[in-house]
Amino acid sequence: MALFDDQLALKLARRACQIAPEYFVRKLQNPIFVVGFNNSGKSSAVRMLSQINGLNIYPGEGNGDLWFRGHFPWIESQVSVQPIWVSPGHFIQSVKDGCGNSFSASRAQLGAYQWLTRGSNLLNDSGMLAALAPDVVSSFPDGKFIHFIRDGRLASYITARLEWSRIIRSPGKYIEYDCPLRFFDVLRKMAEYWVWTMERMDLLSDFAPESVVELRYEDWWLDPDYMVDAVASFLGMAAPNVKEQALKGDLTEHLLSEIPATELAMLNEILGPSMIKKGYTLS
């Protein structure tokens, strides 16, 4: 039984890992990371995974204090680098330079939280971590990665729309860092970022295939019970008895039909090869 509630344990963990970092690095056991491009449905899936008995879930994504320290959220940061969706390689290099290319401090904080909550494992739900996965694995050789994938055209389009709304509300920093301002150009960059993210996770899968499982959003909602059971098996845990309802229909084709033809053609061109590799067909 945990001694502290989630938020108190998180506050204490942030302090404890500063006092005895090496001790808490060793205390982390069976770390699990749920990753995926923005708007890929992973957060809803994690709510279902929480039904797995004994699964200990870290509160929040931890993007700011675990993985992208000093870089997240970019709009509020002081780093001199373009946002990740504009120049992912430079952004990630800046993150690694900032932490000395070591994520042991992140491991210590997760270990302190797990120790305080007395969990036998710890799941961190951070979509952006997919961009860093090949780099953090040296600090988490025992980690397991659950990679959620959604039709890249929809994931890119939805994410680009959200980002563009932020740009038009507060364009100053975007202009300063020479970011795209037209929606079409933002969408192109976001699609390229999706491809880059898939390639990053492929690197990890090639390096440690037993540590990564890929799940498609469309398959998950077609049969969520089967997918939850598959994840439980991957983690070596018992599947929950709770049953989930499948979606009554897949809205993918309807949503794609709402994307203007010129934008959809551009998405098909950029994303097509990577999507086909992931088992999708372009319509």
C-alpha atoms as a PDB file:
ATOM      1  CA  MET A   1       0.000   0.000   0.000  1.00  0.00           C
ATOM      2  CA  ALA A   2       1.345   3.454  -0.931  1.00  0.00           C
ATOM      3  CA  LEU A   3       2.279   5.796   1.899  1.00  0.00           C
ATOM      4  CA  PHE A   4       1.448   8.988  -0.033  1.00  0.00           C
ATOM      5  CA  ASP A   5      -1.062  10.130  -2.626  1.00  0.00           C
ATOM      6  CA  ASP A   6       0.170  10.730  -6.179  1.00  0.00           C
ATOM      7  CA  GLN A   7       0.797  14.468  -6.015  1.00  0.00           C
ATOM      8  CA  LEU A   8       2.489  14.422  -2.616  1.00  0.00           C
ATOM      9  CA  ALA A   9       4.652  11.502  -3.739  1.00  0.00           C
ATOM     10  CA  LEU A  10       5.622  13.470  -6.853  1.00  0.00           C
ATOM     11  CA  LYS A  11       6.669  16.507  -4.808  1.00  0.00           C
ATOM     12  CA  LEU A  12       8.691  14.350  -2.438  1.00  0.00           C
ATOM     13  CA  ALA A  13      10.265  12.420  -5.312  1.00  0.00           C
ATOM     14  CA  ARG A  14      11.522  15.641  -6.907  1.00  0.00           C
ATOM     15  CA  ARG A  15      13.319  16.464  -3.667  1.00  0.00           C
ATOM     16  CA  ALA A  16      14.489  12.970  -2.797  1.00  0.00           C
ATOM     17  CA  CYS A  17      16.186  12.362  -6.140  1.00  0.00           C
ATOM     18  CA  GLN A  18      18.317  15.471  -5.562  1.00  0.00           C
ATOM     19  CA  ILE A  19      19.488  14.177  -2.194  1.00  0.00           C
ATOM     20  CA  ALA A  20      20.329  10.594  -3.163  1.00  0.00           C
ATOM     21  CA  PRO A  21      20.293  10.304  -6.962  1.00  0.00           C
ATOM     22  CA  GLU A  22      22.389   7.127  -7.235  1.00  0.00           C
ATOM     23  CA  TYR A  23      20.223   5.338  -4.683  1.00  0.00           C
ATOM     24  CA  PHE A  24      17.002   6.114  -6.522  1.00  0.00           C
ATOM     25  CA  VAL A  25      18.497   5.296  -9.919  1.00  0.00           C
ATOM     26  CA  ARG A  26      18.848   1.747  -8.588  1.00  0.00           C
ATOM     27  CA  LYS A  27      15.367   1.755  -7.083  1.00  0.00           C
ATOM     28  CA  LEU A  28      13.536   2.061 -10.404  1.00  0.00           C
ATOM     29  CA  GLN A  29      12.225  -1.313 -11.538  1.00  0.00           C
ATOM     30  CA  ASN A  30      10.268  -2.351 -14.622  1.00  0.00           C
ATOM     31  CA  PRO A  31       9.836   1.103 -16.210  1.00  0.00           C
ATOM     32  CA  ILE A  32       7.186   1.319 -18.923  1.00  0.00           C
ATOM     33  CA  PHE A  33       6.898   4.183 -21.407  1.00  0.00           C
ATOM     34  CA  VAL A  34       3.817   4.934 -23.498  1.00  0.00           C
ATOM     35  CA  VAL A  35       4.868   7.070 -26.448  1.00  0.00           C
ATOM     36  CA  GLY A  36       3.435   8.268 -29.729  1.00  0.00           C
ATOM     37  CA  PHE A  37       3.008  11.257 -31.994  1.00  0.00           C
ATOM     38  CA  ASN A  38       0.571  13.949 -30.857  1.00  0.00           C
ATOM     39  CA  ASN A  39      -3.120  13.107 -31.127  1.00  0.00           C
ATOM     40  CA  SER A  40      -2.566   9.385 -31.615  1.00  0.00           C
ATOM     41  CA  GLY A  41      -5.107   8.276 -29.001  1.00  0.00           C
ATOM     42  CA  LYS A  42      -2.597   7.000 -26.463  1.00  0.00           C
ATOM     43  CA  SER A  43      -3.914   8.943 -23.463  1.00  0.00           C
ATOM     44  CA  SER A  44      -7.382   7.401 -23.821  1.00  0.00           C
ATOM     45  CA  ALA A  45      -5.763   3.996 -24.141  1.00  0.00           C
ATOM     46  CA  VAL A  46      -3.705   4.572 -20.995  1.00  0.00           C
ATOM     47  CA  ARG A  47      -6.931   5.117 -19.064  1.00  0.00           C
ATOM     48  CA  MET A  48      -7.916   1.611 -20.121  1.00  0.00           C
ATOM     49  CA  LEU A  49      -4.489   0.222 -19.273  1.00  0.00           C
ATOM     50  CA  SER A  50      -4.888   1.610 -15.748  1.00  0.00           C
ATOM     51  CA  GLN A  51      -7.321  -1.266 -15.187  1.00  0.00           C
ATOM     52  CA  ILE A  52      -4.420  -3.713 -15.261  1.00  0.00           C
ATOM     53  CA  ASN A  53      -3.984  -4.789 -11.661  1.00  0.00           C
ATOM     54  CA  GLY A  54      -0.676  -3.632 -10.194  1.00  0.00           C
ATOM     55  CA  LEU A  55       0.147  -1.066 -12.872  1.00  0.00           C
ATOM     56  CA  ASN A  56       1.635   2.020 -11.245  1.00  0.00           C
ATOM     57  CA  ILE A  57       1.146   5.182 -13.345  1.00  0.00           C
ATOM     58  CA  TYR A  58       3.319   8.261 -12.976  1.00  0.00           C
ATOM     59  CA  PRO A  59       1.209  11.448 -12.676  1.00  0.00           C
ATOM     60  CA  GLY A  60       1.490  13.672 -15.727  1.00  0.00           C
ATOM     61  CA  GLU A  61       3.699  13.339 -18.791  1.00  0.00           C
ATOM     62  CA  GLY A  62       6.821  14.764 -17.200  1.00  0.00           C
ATOM     63  CA  ASN A  63       7.905  16.490 -20.409  1.00  0.00           C
ATOM     64  CA  GLY A  64       9.113  19.564 -18.553  1.00  0.00           C
ATOM     65  CA  ASP A  65      10.891  18.000 -15.573  1.00  0.00           C
ATOM     66  CA  LEU A  66      11.911  14.580 -16.891  1.00  0.00           C
ATOM     67  CA  TRP A  67      12.653  14.634 -20.595  1.00  0.00           C
ATOM     68  CA  PHE A  68      12.832  18.136 -22.085  1.00  0.00           C
ATOM     69  CA  ARG A  69      14.143  20.214 -19.209  1.00  0.00           C
ATOM     70  CA  GLY A  70      14.474  23.853 -20.143  1.00  0.00           C
ATOM     71  CA  HIS A  71      12.840  23.154 -23.523  1.00  0.00           C
ATOM     72  CA  PHE A  72       9.190  22.445 -22.668  1.00  0.00           C
ATOM     73  CA  PRO A  73       6.918  24.135 -23.309  1.00  0.00           C
ATOM     74  CA  TRP A  74       8.995  25.669 -26.104  1.00  0.00           C
ATOM     75  CA  ILE A  75       6.989  28.911 -26.235  1.00  0.00           C
ATOM     76  CA  GLU A  76       7.989  29.638 -22.603  1.00  0.00           C
ATOM     77  CA  SER A  77      11.574  28.360 -22.791  1.00  0.00           C
ATOM     78  CA  GLN A  78      14.790  30.383 -23.009  1.00  0.00           C
ATOM     79  CA  VAL A  79      16.630  28.024 -25.367  1.00  0.00           C
ATOM     80  CA  SER A  80      17.804  29.324 -28.742  1.00  0.00           C
ATOM     81  CA  VAL A  81      16.421  26.579 -30.929  1.00  0.00           C
ATOM     82  CA  GLN A  82      13.400  26.153 -33.192  1.00  0.00           C
ATOM     83  CA  PRO A  83      10.488  24.048 -31.885  1.00  0.00           C
ATOM     84  CA  ILE A  84      10.716  20.298 -32.276  1.00  0.00           C
ATOM     85  CA  TRP A  85       8.234  20.103 -35.153  1.00  0.00           C
ATOM     86  CA  VAL A  86      10.259  22.598 -37.208  1.00  0.00           C
ATOM     87  CA  SER A  87      13.730  21.176 -36.616  1.00  0.00           C
ATOM     88  CA  PRO A  88      13.503  17.946 -34.591  1.00  0.00           C
ATOM     89  CA  GLY A  89      17.159  16.972 -34.941  1.00  0.00           C
ATOM     90  CA  HIS A  90      18.465  20.313 -33.669  1.00  0.00           C
ATOM     91  CA  PHE A  91      15.869  20.405 -30.893  1.00  0.00           C
ATOM     92  CA  ILE A  92      16.808  16.941 -29.615  1.00  0.00           C
ATOM     93  CA  GLN A  93      20.514  17.755 -29.794  1.00  0.00           C
ATOM     94  CA  SER A  94      19.866  20.852 -27.690  1.00  0.00           C
ATOM     95  CA  VAL A  95      17.994  18.723 -25.132  1.00  0.00           C
ATOM     96  CA  LYS A  96      20.863  16.231 -24.949  1.00  0.00           C
ATOM     97  CA  ASP A  97      23.443  19.002 -24.660  1.00  0.00           C
ATOM     98  CA  GLY A  98      21.450  20.480 -21.779  1.00  0.00           C
ATOM     99  CA  CYS A  99      21.494  17.256 -19.767  1.00  0.00           C
ATOM    100  CA  GLY A 100      25.000  16.156 -20.698  1.00  0.00           C
ATOM    101  CA  ASN A 101      23.553  13.388 -22.865  1.00  0.00           C
ATOM    102  CA  SER A 102      22.494  11.515 -19.715  1.00  0.00           C
ATOM    103  CA  PHE A 103      19.014  10.825 -18.397  1.00  0.00           C
ATOM    104  CA  SER A 104      20.093   9.353 -15.081  1.00  0.00           C
ATOM    105  CA  ALA A 105      18.467  12.289 -13.263  1.00  0.00           C
ATOM    106  CA  SER A 106      15.158  11.360 -14.896  1.00  0.00           C
ATOM    107  CA  ARG A 107      15.633   7.759 -13.848  1.00  0.00           C
ATOM    108  CA  ALA A 108      16.360   8.877 -10.274  1.00  0.00           C
ATOM    109  CA  GLN A 109      13.149  10.924 -10.119  1.00  0.00           C
ATOM    110  CA  LEU A 110      11.077   8.050 -11.468  1.00  0.00           C
ATOM    111  CA  GLY A 111      12.811   5.681  -9.059  1.00  0.00           C
ATOM    112  CA  ALA A 112      12.077   7.949  -6.110  1.00  0.00           C
ATOM    113  CA  TYR A 113       8.419   8.143  -7.096  1.00  0.00           C
ATOM    114  CA  GLN A 114       8.175   4.373  -7.457  1.00  0.00           C
ATOM    115  CA  TRP A 115       9.858   3.847  -4.092  1.00  0.00           C
ATOM    116  CA  LEU A 116       7.472   6.274  -2.388  1.00  0.00           C
ATOM    117  CA  THR A 117       4.383   4.681  -3.957  1.00  0.00           C
ATOM    118  CA  ARG A 118       5.668   1.135  -3.424  1.00  0.00           C
ATOM    119  CA  GLY A 119       4.942   0.074  -6.984  1.00  0.00           C
ATOM    120  CA  SER A 120       6.450  -2.998  -8.613  1.00  0.00           C
ATOM    121  CA  ASN A 121       6.585  -1.110 -11.921  1.00  0.00           C
ATOM    122  CA  LEU A 122       6.091   2.438 -13.191  1.00  0.00           C
ATOM    123  CA  LEU A 123       4.363   3.659 -16.350  1.00  0.00           C
ATOM    124  CA  ASN A 124       5.145   7.084 -17.807  1.00  0.00           C
ATOM    125  CA  ASP A 125       2.761   8.393 -20.489  1.00  0.00           C
ATOM    126  CA  SER A 126       4.731  10.901 -22.587  1.00  0.00           C
ATOM    127  CA  GLY A 127       4.010  11.089 -26.297  1.00  0.00           C
ATOM    128  CA  MET A 128       6.957  13.375 -27.022  1.00  0.00           C
ATOM    129  CA  LEU A 129       9.347  10.840 -25.532  1.00  0.00           C
ATOM    130  CA  ALA A 130       9.194   8.964 -28.843  1.00  0.00           C
ATOM    131  CA  ALA A 131      11.536  11.634 -30.196  1.00  0.00           C
ATOM    132  CA  LEU A 132      14.075  10.850 -27.462  1.00  0.00           C
ATOM    133  CA  ALA A 133      13.554   7.104 -27.138  1.00  0.00           C
ATOM    134  CA  PRO A 134      16.793   5.976 -28.842  1.00  0.00           C
ATOM    135  CA  ASP A 135      18.727   8.364 -26.602  1.00  0.00           C
ATOM    136  CA  VAL A 136      17.143   7.532 -23.236  1.00  0.00           C
ATOM    137  CA  VAL A 137      17.398   3.763 -23.638  1.00  0.00           C
ATOM    138  CA  SER A 138      20.986   3.738 -22.350  1.00  0.00           C
ATOM    139  CA  SER A 139      19.677   5.076 -19.024  1.00  0.00           C
ATOM    140  CA  PHE A 140      16.692   2.705 -19.158  1.00  0.00           C
ATOM    141  CA  PRO A 141      18.017  -0.608 -20.534  1.00  0.00           C
ATOM    142  CA  ASP A 142      15.226  -2.377 -18.634  1.00  0.00           C
ATOM    143  CA  GLY A 143      12.494  -0.152 -20.102  1.00  0.00           C
ATOM    144  CA  LYS A 144       9.580  -1.300 -22.217  1.00  0.00           C
ATOM    145  CA  PHE A 145       8.074   1.032 -24.799  1.00  0.00           C
ATOM    146  CA  ILE A 146       4.453   0.957 -25.976  1.00  0.00           C
ATOM    147  CA  HIS A 147       4.297   2.933 -29.219  1.00  0.00           C
ATOM    148  CA  PHE A 148       0.889   4.195 -30.346  1.00  0.00           C
ATOM    149  CA  ILE A 149       0.476   4.986 -34.031  1.00  0.00           C
ATOM    150  CA  ARG A 150      -2.424   6.673 -35.788  1.00  0.00           C
ATOM    151  CA  ASP A 151      -3.005   7.411 -39.473  1.00  0.00           C
ATOM    152  CA  GLY A 152      -0.233   9.937 -40.020  1.00  0.00           C
ATOM    153  CA  ARG A 153      -2.412  12.199 -42.133  1.00  0.00           C
ATOM    154  CA  LEU A 154      -4.929  12.712 -39.344  1.00  0.00           C
ATOM    155  CA  ALA A 155      -2.347  12.926 -36.565  1.00  0.00           C
ATOM    156  CA  SER A 156      -0.343  15.497 -38.539  1.00  0.00           C
ATOM    157  CA  TYR A 157      -3.400  17.498 -39.603  1.00  0.00           C
ATOM    158  CA  ILE A 158      -4.934  17.705 -36.131  1.00  0.00           C
ATOM    159  CA  THR A 159      -1.601  18.620 -34.545  1.00  0.00           C
ATOM    160  CA  ALA A 160      -0.867  21.218 -37.227  1.00  0.00           C
ATOM    161  CA  ARG A 161      -4.271  22.844 -36.696  1.00  0.00           C
ATOM    162  CA  LEU A 162      -3.664  23.119 -32.968  1.00  0.00           C
ATOM    163  CA  GLU A 163      -0.150  24.491 -33.452  1.00  0.00           C
ATOM    164  CA  TRP A 164      -1.293  26.979 -36.082  1.00  0.00           C
ATOM    165  CA  SER A 165      -3.941  28.309 -33.706  1.00  0.00           C
ATOM    166  CA  ARG A 166      -1.165  29.071 -31.228  1.00  0.00           C
ATOM    167  CA  ILE A 167       0.882  30.744 -33.953  1.00  0.00           C
ATOM    168  CA  ILE A 168      -1.864  33.113 -35.057  1.00  0.00           C
ATOM    169  CA  ARG A 169      -2.677  34.024 -31.436  1.00  0.00           C
ATOM    170  CA  SER A 170       0.934  34.775 -30.423  1.00  0.00           C
ATOM    171  CA  PRO A 171       3.184  34.862 -33.491  1.00  0.00           C
ATOM    172  CA  GLY A 172       6.106  36.803 -31.977  1.00  0.00           C
ATOM    173  CA  LYS A 173       8.434  33.970 -30.993  1.00  0.00           C
ATOM    174  CA  TYR A 174       7.535  31.940 -34.071  1.00  0.00           C
ATOM    175  CA  ILE A 175       8.552  34.877 -36.257  1.00  0.00           C
ATOM    176  CA  GLU A 176      11.751  35.381 -34.237  1.00  0.00           C
ATOM    177  CA  TYR A 177      12.787  31.766 -34.839  1.00  0.00           C
ATOM    178  CA  ASP A 178      11.832  31.743 -38.510  1.00  0.00           C
ATOM    179  CA  CYS A 179       9.026  29.198 -38.125  1.00  0.00           C
ATOM    180  CA  PRO A 180       6.453  28.596 -40.865  1.00  0.00           C
ATOM    181  CA  LEU A 181       3.427  30.864 -40.534  1.00  0.00           C
ATOM    182  CA  ARG A 182       1.111  29.695 -43.329  1.00  0.00           C
ATOM    183  CA  PHE A 183      -1.002  26.698 -42.378  1.00  0.00           C
ATOM    184  CA  PHE A 184       0.064  24.722 -45.462  1.00  0.00           C
ATOM    185  CA  ASP A 185       3.718  25.110 -44.476  1.00  0.00           C
ATOM    186  CA  VAL A 186       3.012  24.230 -40.841  1.00  0.00           C
ATOM    187  CA  LEU A 187       1.197  21.103 -42.036  1.00  0.00           C
ATOM    188  CA  ARG A 188       4.132  20.108 -44.245  1.00  0.00           C
ATOM    189  CA  LYS A 189       6.554  20.455 -41.350  1.00  0.00           C
ATOM    190  CA  MET A 190       4.254  18.495 -39.062  1.00  0.00           C
ATOM    191  CA  ALA A 191       4.017  15.648 -41.589  1.00  0.00           C
ATOM    192  CA  GLU A 192       7.816  15.560 -41.881  1.00  0.00           C
ATOM    193  CA  TYR A 193       8.006  15.477 -38.082  1.00  0.00           C
ATOM    194  CA  TRP A 194       5.626  12.474 -38.040  1.00  0.00           C
ATOM    195  CA  VAL A 195       7.907  10.596 -40.437  1.00  0.00           C
ATOM    196  CA  TRP A 196      10.950  11.546 -38.357  1.00  0.00           C
ATOM    197  CA  THR A 197       9.246  10.269 -35.195  1.00  0.00           C
ATOM    198  CA  MET A 198       8.453   6.928 -36.828  1.00  0.00           C
ATOM    199  CA  GLU A 199      12.078   6.616 -37.896  1.00  0.00           C
ATOM    200  CA  ARG A 200      13.239   7.318 -34.344  1.00  0.00           C
ATOM    201  CA  MET A 201      11.063   4.561 -32.952  1.00  0.00           C
ATOM    202  CA  ASP A 202      12.199   2.212 -35.722  1.00  0.00           C
ATOM    203  CA  LEU A 203      15.772   2.822 -34.561  1.00  0.00           C
ATOM    204  CA  LEU A 204      14.807   1.710 -31.074  1.00  0.00           C
ATOM    205  CA  SER A 205      12.869  -1.298 -32.400  1.00  0.00           C
ATOM    206  CA  ASP A 206      15.907  -2.401 -34.418  1.00  0.00           C
ATOM    207  CA  PHE A 207      18.204  -1.975 -31.418  1.00  0.00           C
ATOM    208  CA  ALA A 208      15.940  -3.646 -28.824  1.00  0.00           C
ATOM    209  CA  PRO A 209      13.013  -5.388 -30.577  1.00  0.00           C
ATOM    210  CA  GLU A 210      11.954  -7.212 -27.419  1.00  0.00           C
ATOM    211  CA  SER A 211      11.462  -3.875 -25.642  1.00  0.00           C
ATOM    212  CA  VAL A 212       9.007  -2.265 -28.087  1.00  0.00           C
ATOM    213  CA  VAL A 213       5.441  -3.037 -29.083  1.00  0.00           C
ATOM    214  CA  GLU A 214       3.579  -1.032 -31.735  1.00  0.00           C
ATOM    215  CA  LEU A 215      -0.165  -0.533 -31.487  1.00  0.00           C
ATOM    216  CA  ARG A 216      -2.311   1.159 -34.095  1.00  0.00           C
ATOM    217  CA  TYR A 217      -5.059   3.506 -32.940  1.00  0.00           C
ATOM    218  CA  GLU A 218      -7.481   2.034 -35.464  1.00  0.00           C
ATOM    219  CA  ASP A 219      -6.876  -1.544 -34.272  1.00  0.00           C
ATOM    220  CA  TRP A 220      -7.131  -0.498 -30.621  1.00  0.00           C
ATOM    221  CA  TRP A 221     -10.614   0.938 -30.941  1.00  0.00           C
ATOM    222  CA  LEU A 222     -11.792  -1.916 -33.159  1.00  0.00           C
ATOM    223  CA  ASP A 223     -11.159  -4.403 -30.351  1.00  0.00           C
ATOM    224  CA  PRO A 224      -9.928  -2.678 -27.166  1.00  0.00           C
ATOM    225  CA  ASP A 225     -10.226  -5.806 -24.999  1.00  0.00           C
ATOM    226  CA  TYR A 226      -7.846  -7.728 -27.232  1.00  0.00           C
ATOM    227  CA  MET A 227      -5.390  -4.845 -27.317  1.00  0.00           C
ATOM    228  CA  VAL A 228      -5.394  -4.374 -23.524  1.00  0.00           C
ATOM    229  CA  ASP A 229      -4.774  -8.113 -23.147  1.00  0.00           C
ATOM    230  CA  ALA A 230      -1.906  -7.868 -25.668  1.00  0.00           C
ATOM    231  CA  VAL A 231      -0.284  -5.047 -23.701  1.00  0.00           C
ATOM    232  CA  ALA A 232      -0.691  -6.948 -20.434  1.00  0.00           C
ATOM    233  CA  SER A 233       1.001  -9.950 -22.033  1.00  0.00           C
ATOM    234  CA  PHE A 234       3.842  -7.753 -23.330  1.00  0.00           C
ATOM    235  CA  LEU A 235       4.354  -6.420 -19.800  1.00  0.00           C
ATOM    236  CA  GLY A 236       4.134  -9.881 -18.243  1.00  0.00           C
ATOM    237  CA  MET A 237       1.058  -8.946 -16.224  1.00  0.00           C
ATOM    238  CA  ALA A 238      -2.403 -10.432 -15.830  1.00  0.00           C
ATOM    239  CA  ALA A 239      -5.078  -9.017 -18.133  1.00  0.00           C
ATOM    240  CA  PRO A 240      -7.949  -7.154 -16.405  1.00  0.00           C
ATOM    241  CA  ASN A 241     -11.443  -8.599 -16.239  1.00  0.00           C
ATOM    242  CA  VAL A 242     -13.062  -5.277 -17.141  1.00  0.00           C
ATOM    243  CA  LYS A 243     -14.487  -5.222 -20.652  1.00  0.00           C
ATOM    244  CA  GLU A 244     -14.426  -2.222 -22.948  1.00  0.00           C
ATOM    245  CA  GLN A 245     -16.773  -1.375 -25.801  1.00  0.00           C
ATOM    246  CA  ALA A 246     -15.413  -0.992 -29.313  1.00  0.00           C
ATOM    247  CA  LEU A 247     -16.206   2.155 -31.252  1.00  0.00           C
ATOM    248  CA  LYS A 248     -19.382   1.861 -33.284  1.00  0.00           C
ATOM    249  CA  GLY A 249     -17.611   3.183 -36.347  1.00  0.00           C
ATOM    250  CA  ASP A 250     -14.249   4.380 -37.607  1.00  0.00           C
ATOM    251  CA  LEU A 251     -14.322   8.079 -38.457  1.00  0.00           C
ATOM    252  CA  THR A 252     -10.995   8.029 -40.292  1.00  0.00           C
ATOM    253  CA  GLU A 253     -12.419   8.198 -43.818  1.00  0.00           C
ATOM    254  CA  HIS A 254     -14.919  10.884 -42.848  1.00  0.00           C
ATOM    255  CA  LEU A 255     -12.216  13.008 -41.222  1.00  0.00           C
ATOM    256  CA  LEU A 256      -9.886  12.572 -44.185  1.00  0.00           C
ATOM    257  CA  SER A 257     -12.677  13.740 -46.483  1.00  0.00           C
ATOM    258  CA  GLU A 258     -12.719  17.048 -44.581  1.00  0.00           C
ATOM    259  CA  ILE A 259      -9.084  17.775 -45.473  1.00  0.00           C
ATOM    260  CA  PRO A 260      -8.747  19.946 -48.636  1.00  0.00           C
ATOM    261  CA  ALA A 261      -7.534  17.985 -51.668  1.00  0.00           C
ATOM    262  CA  THR A 262      -4.252  19.897 -52.071  1.00  0.00           C
ATOM    263  CA  GLU A 263      -3.339  19.365 -48.430  1.00  0.00           C
ATOM    264  CA  LEU A 264      -4.299  15.688 -48.526  1.00  0.00           C
ATOM    265  CA  ALA A 265      -2.203  15.160 -51.677  1.00  0.00           C
ATOM    266  CA  MET A 266       0.778  16.715 -49.941  1.00  0.00           C
ATOM    267  CA  LEU A 267       0.257  14.513 -46.881  1.00  0.00           C
ATOM    268  CA  ASN A 268       0.014  11.388 -49.027  1.00  0.00           C
ATOM    269  CA  GLU A 269       3.267  12.259 -50.748  1.00  0.00           C
ATOM    270  CA  ILE A 270       5.227  12.880 -47.550  1.00  0.00           C
ATOM    271  CA  LEU A 271       3.668  10.223 -45.334  1.00  0.00           C
ATOM    272  CA  GLY A 272       2.841   7.499 -47.852  1.00  0.00           C
ATOM    273  CA  PRO A 273       6.007   5.353 -47.649  1.00  0.00           C
ATOM    274  CA  SER A 274       6.125   5.426 -43.841  1.00  0.00           C
ATOM    275  CA  MET A 275       2.405   4.729 -43.485  1.00  0.00           C
ATOM    276  CA  ILE A 276       2.536   1.777 -45.869  1.00  0.00           C
ATOM    277  CA  LYS A 277       5.441   0.399 -43.848  1.00  0.00           C
ATOM    278  CA  LYS A 278       3.209   0.604 -40.763  1.00  0.00           C
ATOM    279  CA  GLY A 279       0.420  -1.340 -42.463  1.00  0.00           C
ATOM    280  CA  TYR A 280      -1.781   1.496 -43.689  1.00  0.00           C
ATOM    281  CA  THR A 281      -3.268   1.890 -47.135  1.00  0.00           C
ATOM    282  CA  LEU A 282      -3.722   5.273 -48.787  1.00  0.00           C
ATOM    283  CA  SER A 283      -7.192   5.967 -50.144  1.00  0.00           C
END
